[in-house]
C-alpha atoms as a PDB file:
ATOM      1  CA  MET A   1       0.000   0.000   0.000  1.00  0.00           C
ATOM      2  CA  THR A   2       2.854   2.374   0.791  1.00  0.00           C
ATOM      3  CA  LYS A   3       4.378   1.711  -2.635  1.00  0.00           C
ATOM      4  CA  PHE A   4       1.034   2.531  -4.309  1.00  0.00           C
ATOM      5  CA  VAL A   5       0.749   5.869  -2.477  1.00  0.00           C
ATOM      6  CA  ARG A   6       4.365   6.765  -3.221  1.00  0.00           C
ATOM      7  CA  ASP A   7       3.946   5.914  -6.918  1.00  0.00           C
ATOM      8  CA  PHE A   8       0.657   7.813  -7.043  1.00  0.00           C
ATOM      9  CA  VAL A   9       2.253  10.962  -5.622  1.00  0.00           C
ATOM     10  CA  ARG A  10       5.157  10.783  -8.082  1.00  0.00           C
ATOM     11  CA  ASP A  11       2.940  10.088 -11.104  1.00  0.00           C
ATOM     12  CA  GLU A  12       2.704  13.160 -13.360  1.00  0.00           C
ATOM     13  CA  THR A  13       0.822  11.727 -16.338  1.00  0.00           C
ATOM     14  CA  GLY A  14      -2.359  13.690 -15.590  1.00  0.00           C
ATOM     15  CA  ALA A  15      -0.543  16.945 -14.889  1.00  0.00           C
ATOM     16  CA  ALA A  16      -0.728  18.133 -18.495  1.00  0.00           C
ATOM     17  CA  ALA A  17      -4.520  17.849 -18.588  1.00  0.00           C
ATOM     18  CA  ALA A  18      -4.863  19.747 -15.327  1.00  0.00           C
ATOM     19  CA  GLU A  19      -2.539  22.477 -16.556  1.00  0.00           C
ATOM     20  CA  TYR A  20      -4.477  22.836 -19.808  1.00  0.00           C
ATOM     21  CA  ALA A  21      -7.734  23.046 -17.870  1.00  0.00           C
ATOM     22  CA  LEU A  22      -6.293  25.789 -15.665  1.00  0.00           C
ATOM     23  CA  ILE A  23      -5.060  27.751 -18.678  1.00  0.00           C
ATOM     24  CA  LEU A  24      -8.455  27.346 -20.344  1.00  0.00           C
ATOM     25  CA  ALA A  25     -10.214  28.618 -17.222  1.00  0.00           C
ATOM     26  CA  ILE A  26      -7.958  31.687 -17.011  1.00  0.00           C
ATOM     27  CA  VAL A  27      -8.379  32.509 -20.700  1.00  0.00           C
ATOM     28  CA  GLY A  28     -12.138  31.964 -20.445  1.00  0.00           C
ATOM     29  CA  ALA A  29     -12.382  34.307 -17.474  1.00  0.00           C
ATOM     30  CA  GLY A  30     -10.416  36.944 -19.390  1.00  0.00           C
ATOM     31  CA  ILE A  31     -12.710  36.644 -22.414  1.00  0.00           C
ATOM     32  CA  ALA A  32     -15.817  36.857 -20.222  1.00  0.00           C
ATOM     33  CA  THR A  33     -14.497  39.950 -18.442  1.00  0.00           C
ATOM     34  CA  ALA A  34     -13.580  41.634 -21.727  1.00  0.00           C
ATOM     35  CA  ALA A  35     -16.985  40.816 -23.231  1.00  0.00           C
ATOM     36  CA  PHE A  36     -18.744  42.237 -20.173  1.00  0.00           C
ATOM     37  CA  PHE A  37     -16.933  45.580 -20.346  1.00  0.00           C
ATOM     38  CA  LEU A  38     -16.969  45.737 -24.144  1.00  0.00           C
ATOM     39  CA  GLY A  39     -20.704  45.012 -24.179  1.00  0.00           C
ATOM     40  CA  GLY A  40     -21.371  48.059 -22.031  1.00  0.00           C
ATOM     41  CA  GLN A  41     -19.302  50.280 -24.298  1.00  0.00           C
ATOM     42  CA  VAL A  42     -21.010  48.968 -27.449  1.00  0.00           C
ATOM     43  CA  SER A  43     -24.414  49.539 -25.871  1.00  0.00           C
ATOM     44  CA  LYS A  44     -23.516  53.137 -25.019  1.00  0.00           C
ATOM     45  CA  ALA A  45     -22.169  53.744 -28.528  1.00  0.00           C
ATOM     46  CA  MET A  46     -25.312  52.363 -30.180  1.00  0.00           C
ATOM     47  CA  THR A  47     -27.576  54.416 -27.930  1.00  0.00           C
ATOM     48  CA  GLY A  48     -25.593  57.554 -28.710  1.00  0.00           C
ATOM     49  CA  ALA A  49     -25.629  56.866 -32.441  1.00  0.00           C
ATOM     50  CA  GLY A  50     -29.364  56.202 -32.371  1.00  0.00           C
ATOM     51  CA  SER A  51     -30.112  59.426 -30.536  1.00  0.00           C
ATOM     52  CA  ARG A  52     -28.011  61.398 -33.024  1.00  0.00           C
ATOM     53  CA  VAL A  53     -29.840  59.820 -35.958  1.00  0.00           C
ATOM     54  CA  CYS A  54     -33.209  60.645 -34.401  1.00  0.00           C
ATOM     55  CA  ALA A  55     -32.102  64.224 -33.688  1.00  0.00           C
ATOM     56  CA  ALA A  56     -31.051  64.831 -37.309  1.00  0.00           C
ATOM     57  CA  PRO A  57     -33.399  66.999 -39.335  1.00  0.00           C
ATOM     58  CA  THR A  58     -35.516  64.917 -41.700  1.00  0.00           C
ATOM     59  CA  SER A  59     -38.185  65.562 -44.242  1.00  0.00           C
ATOM     60  CA  GLY A  60     -41.224  63.346 -43.954  1.00  0.00           C
ATOM     61  CA  THR A  61     -42.141  60.817 -41.323  1.00  0.00           C
ATOM     62  CA  SER A  62     -39.685  59.807 -38.647  1.00  0.00           C
ATOM     63  CA  LEU A  63     -39.243  56.274 -37.344  1.00  0.00           C
ATOM     64  CA  CYS A  64     -37.888  57.511 -34.022  1.00  0.00           C
ATOM     65  CA  PRO A  65     -40.124  57.353 -30.954  1.00  0.00           C
END
């Protein structure tokens, strides 16, 4: 039993998969954070662009509320 535990502790065959999973989690968290902040900026830009389009002088009917 002692030999099994010692061999199990020294075994590094699964280390690569765990390292890749950790890297994937870090990259995924970075992408999620960037998307969260970028989404807010895109929303503000679209709202601003829409309000400028609605404020522009037009002839005829307007589709703006």
